[in-house]
Amino acid sequence: MTTLEKFYYGNIIPHENPIIKGSEYDMANRLVVRHDEALTATLTEQQKETFQKFKESYLELLTLGERDAFIRGFSLGIKIAVEALSYGKT
């Protein structure tokens, strides 16, 4: 099966990466969770609702940024491939 076929059938999902235990990402994620829990424990119910809305909005912003970075990176990769394939043909 080709890479394009794997991508078409959903066997390649570029935005999903497993978190490797002990990695930089894992350690940073643990800090976020710990601080989130510590902060949430000090908030009133109304503040918790506001904080939850903040986290959801921020996640949406991060998701949009990741999507745009993926598109820019993919576009750049295609441009590099086209340039490499056409090198010396002119």
PDB file of N, CA and C in Angstrom:
ATOM      1  N   MET A   1       0.851  -1.173   0.000  1.00  0.00           N
ATOM      2  CA  MET A   1       0.000   0.000   0.000  1.00  0.00           C
ATOM      3  C   MET A   1       0.900   1.240   0.000  1.00  0.00           C
ATOM      4  N   THR A   2       0.581   2.202  -0.842  1.00  0.00           N
ATOM      5  CA  THR A   2       1.382   3.413  -0.928  1.00  0.00           C
ATOM      6  C   THR A   2       1.087   4.345   0.246  1.00  0.00           C
ATOM      7  N   THR A   3       1.937   5.320   0.424  1.00  0.00           N
ATOM      8  CA  THR A   3       1.729   6.306   1.487  1.00  0.00           C
ATOM      9  C   THR A   3       0.425   7.053   1.274  1.00  0.00           C
ATOM     10  N   LEU A   4       0.125   7.427   0.034  1.00  0.00           N
ATOM     11  CA  LEU A   4      -1.134   8.129  -0.248  1.00  0.00           C
ATOM     12  C   LEU A   4      -2.340   7.244   0.058  1.00  0.00           C
ATOM     13  N   GLU A   5      -2.246   5.956  -0.243  1.00  0.00           N
ATOM     14  CA  GLU A   5      -3.343   5.045   0.078  1.00  0.00           C
ATOM     15  C   GLU A   5      -3.511   4.916   1.597  1.00  0.00           C
ATOM     16  N   LYS A   6      -2.401   4.796   2.303  1.00  0.00           N
ATOM     17  CA  LYS A   6      -2.460   4.718   3.762  1.00  0.00           C
ATOM     18  C   LYS A   6      -3.098   5.984   4.341  1.00  0.00           C
ATOM     19  N   PHE A   7      -2.727   7.129   3.776  1.00  0.00           N
ATOM     20  CA  PHE A   7      -3.287   8.409   4.223  1.00  0.00           C
ATOM     21  C   PHE A   7      -4.784   8.457   3.926  1.00  0.00           C
ATOM     22  N   TYR A   8      -5.170   8.028   2.736  1.00  0.00           N
ATOM     23  CA  TYR A   8      -6.578   8.039   2.327  1.00  0.00           C
ATOM     24  C   TYR A   8      -7.430   7.165   3.255  1.00  0.00           C
ATOM     25  N   TYR A   9      -6.932   5.987   3.581  1.00  0.00           N
ATOM     26  CA  TYR A   9      -7.687   5.053   4.411  1.00  0.00           C
ATOM     27  C   TYR A   9      -7.575   5.334   5.906  1.00  0.00           C
ATOM     28  N   GLY A  10      -6.909   6.428   6.262  1.00  0.00           N
ATOM     29  CA  GLY A  10      -6.840   6.831   7.664  1.00  0.00           C
ATOM     30  C   GLY A  10      -5.790   6.106   8.478  1.00  0.00           C
ATOM     31  N   ASN A  11      -4.861   5.431   7.818  1.00  0.00           N
ATOM     32  CA  ASN A  11      -3.806   4.723   8.533  1.00  0.00           C
ATOM     33  C   ASN A  11      -2.642   5.636   8.913  1.00  0.00           C
ATOM     34  N   ILE A  12      -2.627   6.830   8.341  1.00  0.00           N
ATOM     35  CA  ILE A  12      -1.638   7.843   8.704  1.00  0.00           C
ATOM     36  C   ILE A  12      -2.413   9.035   9.248  1.00  0.00           C
ATOM     37  N   ILE A  13      -2.162   9.360  10.487  1.00  0.00           N
ATOM     38  CA  ILE A  13      -2.844  10.488  11.112  1.00  0.00           C
ATOM     39  C   ILE A  13      -1.750  11.413  11.653  1.00  0.00           C
ATOM     40  N   PRO A  14      -1.341  12.406  10.840  1.00  0.00           N
ATOM     41  CA  PRO A  14      -0.175  13.215  11.196  1.00  0.00           C
ATOM     42  C   PRO A  14      -0.312  14.024  12.480  1.00  0.00           C
ATOM     43  N   HIS A  15      -1.513  14.328  12.915  1.00  0.00           N
ATOM     44  CA  HIS A  15      -1.667  15.149  14.115  1.00  0.00           C
ATOM     45  C   HIS A  15      -1.766  14.325  15.390  1.00  0.00           C
ATOM     46  N   GLU A  16      -1.715  13.003  15.291  1.00  0.00           N
ATOM     47  CA  GLU A  16      -1.746  12.161  16.482  1.00  0.00           C
ATOM     48  C   GLU A  16      -0.374  11.564  16.736  1.00  0.00           C
ATOM     49  N   ASN A  17       0.168  11.864  17.887  1.00  0.00           N
ATOM     50  CA  ASN A  17       1.463  11.315  18.286  1.00  0.00           C
ATOM     51  C   ASN A  17       1.331  10.741  19.685  1.00  0.00           C
ATOM     52  N   PRO A  18       1.826   9.538  19.892  1.00  0.00           N
ATOM     53  CA  PRO A  18       1.773   8.989  21.248  1.00  0.00           C
ATOM     54  C   PRO A  18       2.721   9.761  22.163  1.00  0.00           C
ATOM     55  N   ILE A  19       2.333   9.903  23.425  1.00  0.00           N
ATOM     56  CA  ILE A  19       3.206  10.571  24.394  1.00  0.00           C
ATOM     57  C   ILE A  19       4.150   9.517  24.961  1.00  0.00           C
ATOM     58  N   ILE A  20       5.423   9.739  24.762  1.00  0.00           N
ATOM     59  CA  ILE A  20       6.431   8.802  25.246  1.00  0.00           C
ATOM     60  C   ILE A  20       6.764   9.150  26.692  1.00  0.00           C
ATOM     61  N   LYS A  21       6.576   8.178  27.575  1.00  0.00           N
ATOM     62  CA  LYS A  21       6.807   8.389  29.004  1.00  0.00           C
ATOM     63  C   LYS A  21       8.242   8.858  29.236  1.00  0.00           C
ATOM     64  N   GLY A  22       8.367   9.940  29.994  1.00  0.00           N
ATOM     65  CA  GLY A  22       9.685  10.485  30.314  1.00  0.00           C
ATOM     66  C   GLY A  22      10.207  11.478  29.296  1.00  0.00           C
ATOM     67  N   SER A  23       9.485  11.676  28.186  1.00  0.00           N
ATOM     68  CA  SER A  23       9.924  12.628  27.164  1.00  0.00           C
ATOM     69  C   SER A  23       9.721  14.058  27.652  1.00  0.00           C
ATOM     70  N   GLU A  24      10.301  15.008  26.942  1.00  0.00           N
ATOM     71  CA  GLU A  24      10.112  16.417  27.283  1.00  0.00           C
ATOM     72  C   GLU A  24       8.634  16.774  27.289  1.00  0.00           C
ATOM     73  N   TYR A  25       7.919  16.264  26.288  1.00  0.00           N
ATOM     74  CA  TYR A  25       6.489  16.541  26.176  1.00  0.00           C
ATOM     75  C   TYR A  25       5.744  15.976  27.379  1.00  0.00           C
ATOM     76  N   ASP A  26       6.081  14.758  27.755  1.00  0.00           N
ATOM     77  CA  ASP A  26       5.441  14.116  28.908  1.00  0.00           C
ATOM     78  C   ASP A  26       5.691  14.920  30.178  1.00  0.00           C
ATOM     79  N   MET A  27       6.920  15.349  30.373  1.00  0.00           N
ATOM     80  CA  MET A  27       7.261  16.104  31.574  1.00  0.00           C
ATOM     81  C   MET A  27       6.531  17.450  31.599  1.00  0.00           C
ATOM     82  N   ALA A  28       6.485  18.142  30.467  1.00  0.00           N
ATOM     83  CA  ALA A  28       5.778  19.423  30.398  1.00  0.00           C
ATOM     84  C   ALA A  28       4.285  19.228  30.629  1.00  0.00           C
ATOM     85  N   ASN A  29       3.741  18.157  30.058  1.00  0.00           N
ATOM     86  CA  ASN A  29       2.316  17.863  30.237  1.00  0.00           C
ATOM     87  C   ASN A  29       1.998  17.583  31.709  1.00  0.00           C
ATOM     88  N   ARG A  30       2.872  16.867  32.380  1.00  0.00           N
ATOM     89  CA  ARG A  30       2.670  16.576  33.805  1.00  0.00           C
ATOM     90  C   ARG A  30       2.659  17.858  34.638  1.00  0.00           C
ATOM     91  N   LEU A  31       3.544  18.804  34.278  1.00  0.00           N
ATOM     92  CA  LEU A  31       3.566  20.086  34.983  1.00  0.00           C
ATOM     93  C   LEU A  31       2.260  20.846  34.781  1.00  0.00           C
ATOM     94  N   VAL A  32       1.773  20.860  33.551  1.00  0.00           N
ATOM     95  CA  VAL A  32       0.521  21.548  33.264  1.00  0.00           C
ATOM     96  C   VAL A  32      -0.609  20.940  34.080  1.00  0.00           C
ATOM     97  N   VAL A  33      -0.687  19.624  34.097  1.00  0.00           N
ATOM     98  CA  VAL A  33      -1.748  18.946  34.845  1.00  0.00           C
ATOM     99  C   VAL A  33      -1.635  19.250  36.339  1.00  0.00           C
ATOM    100  N   ARG A  34      -0.425  19.195  36.861  1.00  0.00           N
ATOM    101  CA  ARG A  34      -0.224  19.451  38.294  1.00  0.00           C
ATOM    102  C   ARG A  34      -0.635  20.878  38.659  1.00  0.00           C
ATOM    103  N   HIS A  35      -0.216  21.848  37.841  1.00  0.00           N
ATOM    104  CA  HIS A  35      -0.557  23.241  38.129  1.00  0.00           C
ATOM    105  C   HIS A  35      -2.049  23.497  37.932  1.00  0.00           C
ATOM    106  N   ASP A  36      -2.632  22.848  36.944  1.00  0.00           N
ATOM    107  CA  ASP A  36      -4.081  22.964  36.707  1.00  0.00           C
ATOM    108  C   ASP A  36      -4.832  22.475  37.944  1.00  0.00           C
ATOM    109  N   GLU A  37      -4.446  21.315  38.445  1.00  0.00           N
ATOM    110  CA  GLU A  37      -5.123  20.756  39.620  1.00  0.00           C
ATOM    111  C   GLU A  37      -4.938  21.641  40.853  1.00  0.00           C
ATOM    112  N   ALA A  38      -3.726  22.168  41.027  1.00  0.00           N
ATOM    113  CA  ALA A  38      -3.455  23.023  42.185  1.00  0.00           C
ATOM    114  C   ALA A  38      -4.267  24.315  42.103  1.00  0.00           C
ATOM    115  N   LEU A  39      -4.324  24.907  40.930  1.00  0.00           N
ATOM    116  CA  LEU A  39      -5.086  26.136  40.762  1.00  0.00           C
ATOM    117  C   LEU A  39      -6.582  25.890  40.916  1.00  0.00           C
ATOM    118  N   THR A  40      -7.073  24.858  40.278  1.00  0.00           N
ATOM    119  CA  THR A  40      -8.511  24.551  40.332  1.00  0.00           C
ATOM    120  C   THR A  40      -8.979  24.314  41.766  1.00  0.00           C
ATOM    121  N   ALA A  41      -8.138  23.731  42.580  1.00  0.00           N
ATOM    122  CA  ALA A  41      -8.502  23.453  43.977  1.00  0.00           C
ATOM    123  C   ALA A  41      -8.740  24.732  44.773  1.00  0.00           C
ATOM    124  N   THR A  42      -8.197  25.846  44.303  1.00  0.00           N
ATOM    125  CA  THR A  42      -8.343  27.113  45.042  1.00  0.00           C
ATOM    126  C   THR A  42      -9.484  27.979  44.528  1.00  0.00           C
ATOM    127  N   LEU A  43     -10.157  27.562  43.465  1.00  0.00           N
ATOM    128  CA  LEU A  43     -11.161  28.396  42.811  1.00  0.00           C
ATOM    129  C   LEU A  43     -12.572  28.118  43.311  1.00  0.00           C
ATOM    130  N   THR A  44     -13.414  29.140  43.213  1.00  0.00           N
ATOM    131  CA  THR A  44     -14.836  28.965  43.484  1.00  0.00           C
ATOM    132  C   THR A  44     -15.459  28.255  42.280  1.00  0.00           C
ATOM    133  N   GLU A  45     -16.696  27.841  42.412  1.00  0.00           N
ATOM    134  CA  GLU A  45     -17.371  27.147  41.303  1.00  0.00           C
ATOM    135  C   GLU A  45     -17.465  28.050  40.071  1.00  0.00           C
ATOM    136  N   GLN A  46     -17.790  29.312  40.269  1.00  0.00           N
ATOM    137  CA  GLN A  46     -17.890  30.239  39.142  1.00  0.00           C
ATOM    138  C   GLN A  46     -16.523  30.440  38.486  1.00  0.00           C
ATOM    139  N   GLN A  47     -15.489  30.556  39.286  1.00  0.00           N
ATOM    140  CA  GLN A  47     -14.136  30.697  38.752  1.00  0.00           C
ATOM    141  C   GLN A  47     -13.709  29.439  37.999  1.00  0.00           C
ATOM    142  N   LYS A  48     -14.110  28.271  38.508  1.00  0.00           N
ATOM    143  CA  LYS A  48     -13.798  27.013  37.823  1.00  0.00           C
ATOM    144  C   LYS A  48     -14.441  26.976  36.445  1.00  0.00           C
ATOM    145  N   GLU A  49     -15.687  27.434  36.347  1.00  0.00           N
ATOM    146  CA  GLU A  49     -16.377  27.474  35.059  1.00  0.00           C
ATOM    147  C   GLU A  49     -15.659  28.407  34.093  1.00  0.00           C
ATOM    148  N   THR A  50     -15.265  29.570  34.594  1.00  0.00           N
ATOM    149  CA  THR A  50     -14.538  30.530  33.752  1.00  0.00           C
ATOM    150  C   THR A  50     -13.199  29.954  33.325  1.00  0.00           C
ATOM    151  N   PHE A  51     -12.507  29.323  34.245  1.00  0.00           N
ATOM    152  CA  PHE A  51     -11.207  28.729  33.928  1.00  0.00           C
ATOM    153  C   PHE A  51     -11.362  27.604  32.905  1.00  0.00           C
ATOM    154  N   GLN A  52     -12.411  26.805  33.036  1.00  0.00           N
ATOM    155  CA  GLN A  52     -12.666  25.729  32.081  1.00  0.00           C
ATOM    156  C   GLN A  52     -12.914  26.299  30.687  1.00  0.00           C
ATOM    157  N   LYS A  53     -13.682  27.370  30.611  1.00  0.00           N
ATOM    158  CA  LYS A  53     -13.934  28.024  29.317  1.00  0.00           C
ATOM    159  C   LYS A  53     -12.637  28.566  28.733  1.00  0.00           C
ATOM    160  N   PHE A  54     -11.793  29.136  29.598  1.00  0.00           N
ATOM    161  CA  PHE A  54     -10.496  29.624  29.165  1.00  0.00           C
ATOM    162  C   PHE A  54      -9.665  28.488  28.559  1.00  0.00           C
ATOM    163  N   LYS A  55      -9.616  27.338  29.269  1.00  0.00           N
ATOM    164  CA  LYS A  55      -8.822  26.203  28.781  1.00  0.00           C
ATOM    165  C   LYS A  55      -9.355  25.690  27.446  1.00  0.00           C
ATOM    166  N   GLU A  56     -10.671  25.632  27.293  1.00  0.00           N
ATOM    167  CA  GLU A  56     -11.266  25.173  26.039  1.00  0.00           C
ATOM    168  C   GLU A  56     -10.949  26.134  24.902  1.00  0.00           C
ATOM    169  N   SER A  57     -11.021  27.428  25.169  1.00  0.00           N
ATOM    170  CA  SER A  57     -10.702  28.432  24.146  1.00  0.00           C
ATOM    171  C   SER A  57      -9.227  28.364  23.765  1.00  0.00           C
ATOM    172  N   TYR A  58      -8.378  28.186  24.764  1.00  0.00           N
ATOM    173  CA  TYR A  58      -6.938  28.112  24.500  1.00  0.00           C
ATOM    174  C   TYR A  58      -6.603  26.850  23.698  1.00  0.00           C
ATOM    175  N   LEU A  59      -7.264  25.748  24.008  1.00  0.00           N
ATOM    176  CA  LEU A  59      -7.059  24.513  23.255  1.00  0.00           C
ATOM    177  C   LEU A  59      -7.463  24.712  21.791  1.00  0.00           C
ATOM    178  N   GLU A  60      -8.566  25.397  21.570  1.00  0.00           N
ATOM    179  CA  GLU A  60      -9.010  25.690  20.203  1.00  0.00           C
ATOM    180  C   GLU A  60      -7.965  26.530  19.473  1.00  0.00           C
ATOM    181  N   LEU A  61      -7.409  27.523  20.149  1.00  0.00           N
ATOM    182  CA  LEU A  61      -6.369  28.355  19.566  1.00  0.00           C
ATOM    183  C   LEU A  61      -5.132  27.522  19.216  1.00  0.00           C
ATOM    184  N   LEU A  62      -4.723  26.652  20.125  1.00  0.00           N
ATOM    185  CA  LEU A  62      -3.571  25.781  19.867  1.00  0.00           C
ATOM    186  C   LEU A  62      -3.835  24.844  18.681  1.00  0.00           C
ATOM    187  N   THR A  63      -5.047  24.308  18.624  1.00  0.00           N
ATOM    188  CA  THR A  63      -5.416  23.407  17.534  1.00  0.00           C
ATOM    189  C   THR A  63      -5.346  24.129  16.195  1.00  0.00           C
ATOM    190  N   LEU A  64      -5.843  25.357  16.142  1.00  0.00           N
ATOM    191  CA  LEU A  64      -5.776  26.138  14.902  1.00  0.00           C
ATOM    192  C   LEU A  64      -4.326  26.404  14.508  1.00  0.00           C
ATOM    193  N   GLY A  65      -3.491  26.713  15.494  1.00  0.00           N
ATOM    194  CA  GLY A  65      -2.072  26.949  15.224  1.00  0.00           C
ATOM    195  C   GLY A  65      -1.375  25.700  14.703  1.00  0.00           C
ATOM    196  N   GLU A  66      -1.686  24.552  15.294  1.00  0.00           N
ATOM    197  CA  GLU A  66      -1.092  23.291  14.835  1.00  0.00           C
ATOM    198  C   GLU A  66      -1.530  22.963  13.416  1.00  0.00           C
ATOM    199  N   ARG A  67      -2.817  23.199  13.127  1.00  0.00           N
ATOM    200  CA  ARG A  67      -3.326  22.953  11.777  1.00  0.00           C
ATOM    201  C   ARG A  67      -2.614  23.825  10.765  1.00  0.00           C
ATOM    202  N   ASP A  68      -2.469  25.113  11.084  1.00  0.00           N
ATOM    203  CA  ASP A  68      -1.804  26.026  10.163  1.00  0.00           C
ATOM    204  C   ASP A  68      -0.330  25.675   9.979  1.00  0.00           C
ATOM    205  N   ALA A  69       0.333  25.273  11.056  1.00  0.00           N
ATOM    206  CA  ALA A  69       1.742  24.870  10.966  1.00  0.00           C
ATOM    207  C   ALA A  69       1.878  23.616  10.112  1.00  0.00           C
ATOM    208  N   PHE A  70       0.949  22.679  10.242  1.00  0.00           N
ATOM    209  CA  PHE A  70       0.965  21.471   9.416  1.00  0.00           C
ATOM    210  C   PHE A  70       0.815  21.831   7.944  1.00  0.00           C
ATOM    211  N   ILE A  71      -0.140  22.709   7.644  1.00  0.00           N
ATOM    212  CA  ILE A  71      -0.379  23.103   6.255  1.00  0.00           C
ATOM    213  C   ILE A  71       0.843  23.816   5.681  1.00  0.00           C
ATOM    214  N   ARG A  72       1.419  24.747   6.445  1.00  0.00           N
ATOM    215  CA  ARG A  72       2.613  25.458   5.961  1.00  0.00           C
ATOM    216  C   ARG A  72       3.776  24.496   5.753  1.00  0.00           C
ATOM    217  N   GLY A  73       3.970  23.582   6.693  1.00  0.00           N
ATOM    218  CA  GLY A  73       5.061  22.615   6.566  1.00  0.00           C
ATOM    219  C   GLY A  73       4.864  21.681   5.387  1.00  0.00           C
ATOM    220  N   PHE A  74       3.639  21.220   5.199  1.00  0.00           N
ATOM    221  CA  PHE A  74       3.340  20.339   4.080  1.00  0.00           C
ATOM    222  C   PHE A  74       3.568  21.075   2.760  1.00  0.00           C
ATOM    223  N   SER A  75       3.107  22.322   2.673  1.00  0.00           N
ATOM    224  CA  SER A  75       3.287  23.124   1.465  1.00  0.00           C
ATOM    225  C   SER A  75       4.771  23.348   1.173  1.00  0.00           C
ATOM    226  N   LEU A  76       5.531  23.644   2.204  1.00  0.00           N
ATOM    227  CA  LEU A  76       6.964  23.839   2.023  1.00  0.00           C
ATOM    228  C   LEU A  76       7.621  22.550   1.539  1.00  0.00           C
ATOM    229  N   GLY A  77       7.221  21.425   2.106  1.00  0.00           N
ATOM    230  CA  GLY A  77       7.776  20.138   1.669  1.00  0.00           C
ATOM    231  C   GLY A  77       7.502  19.867   0.200  1.00  0.00           C
ATOM    232  N   ILE A  78       6.286  20.187  -0.246  1.00  0.00           N
ATOM    233  CA  ILE A  78       5.937  19.997  -1.655  1.00  0.00           C
ATOM    234  C   ILE A  78       6.774  20.909  -2.532  1.00  0.00           C
ATOM    235  N   LYS A  79       6.941  22.169  -2.132  1.00  0.00           N
ATOM    236  CA  LYS A  79       7.753  23.109  -2.905  1.00  0.00           C
ATOM    237  C   LYS A  79       9.190  22.618  -3.023  1.00  0.00           C
ATOM    238  N   ILE A  80       9.730  22.107  -1.931  1.00  0.00           N
ATOM    239  CA  ILE A  80      11.102  21.577  -1.947  1.00  0.00           C
ATOM    240  C   ILE A  80      11.183  20.374  -2.885  1.00  0.00           C
ATOM    241  N   ALA A  81      10.185  19.479  -2.806  1.00  0.00           N
ATOM    242  CA  ALA A  81      10.181  18.297  -3.675  1.00  0.00           C
ATOM    243  C   ALA A  81      10.093  18.692  -5.144  1.00  0.00           C
ATOM    244  N   VAL A  82       9.217  19.638  -5.474  1.00  0.00           N
ATOM    245  CA  VAL A  82       9.082  20.082  -6.863  1.00  0.00           C
ATOM    246  C   VAL A  82      10.384  20.699  -7.343  1.00  0.00           C
ATOM    247  N   GLU A  83      10.989  21.534  -6.511  1.00  0.00           N
ATOM    248  CA  GLU A  83      12.255  22.165  -6.889  1.00  0.00           C
ATOM    249  C   GLU A  83      13.351  21.112  -7.072  1.00  0.00           C
ATOM    250  N   ALA A  84      13.392  20.131  -6.190  1.00  0.00           N
ATOM    251  CA  ALA A  84      14.420  19.078  -6.295  1.00  0.00           C
ATOM    252  C   ALA A  84      14.212  18.239  -7.547  1.00  0.00           C
ATOM    253  N   LEU A  85      12.958  17.928  -7.865  1.00  0.00           N
ATOM    254  CA  LEU A  85      12.670  17.116  -9.053  1.00  0.00           C
ATOM    255  C   LEU A  85      12.921  17.873 -10.347  1.00  0.00           C
ATOM    256  N   SER A  86      12.794  19.196 -10.316  1.00  0.00           N
ATOM    257  CA  SER A  86      12.986  19.978 -11.544  1.00  0.00           C
ATOM    258  C   SER A  86      14.385  20.570 -11.640  1.00  0.00           C
ATOM    259  N   TYR A  87      15.248  20.294 -10.659  1.00  0.00           N
ATOM    260  CA  TYR A  87      16.608  20.830 -10.657  1.00  0.00           C
ATOM    261  C   TYR A  87      17.356  20.337 -11.889  1.00  0.00           C
ATOM    262  N   GLY A  88      17.925  21.266 -12.613  1.00  0.00           N
ATOM    263  CA  GLY A  88      18.743  20.927 -13.772  1.00  0.00           C
ATOM    264  C   GLY A  88      17.958  20.640 -15.033  1.00  0.00           C
ATOM    265  N   LYS A  89      16.641  20.724 -15.021  1.00  0.00           N
ATOM    266  CA  LYS A  89      15.829  20.431 -16.196  1.00  0.00           C
ATOM    267  C   LYS A  89      15.603  21.657 -17.071  1.00  0.00           C
ATOM    268  N   THR A  90      15.984  22.831 -16.590  1.00  0.00           N
ATOM    269  CA  THR A  90      15.750  24.035 -17.379  1.00  0.00           C
ATOM    270  C   THR A  90      16.940  24.423 -18.197  1.00  0.00           C
TER     271      THR A  90
END
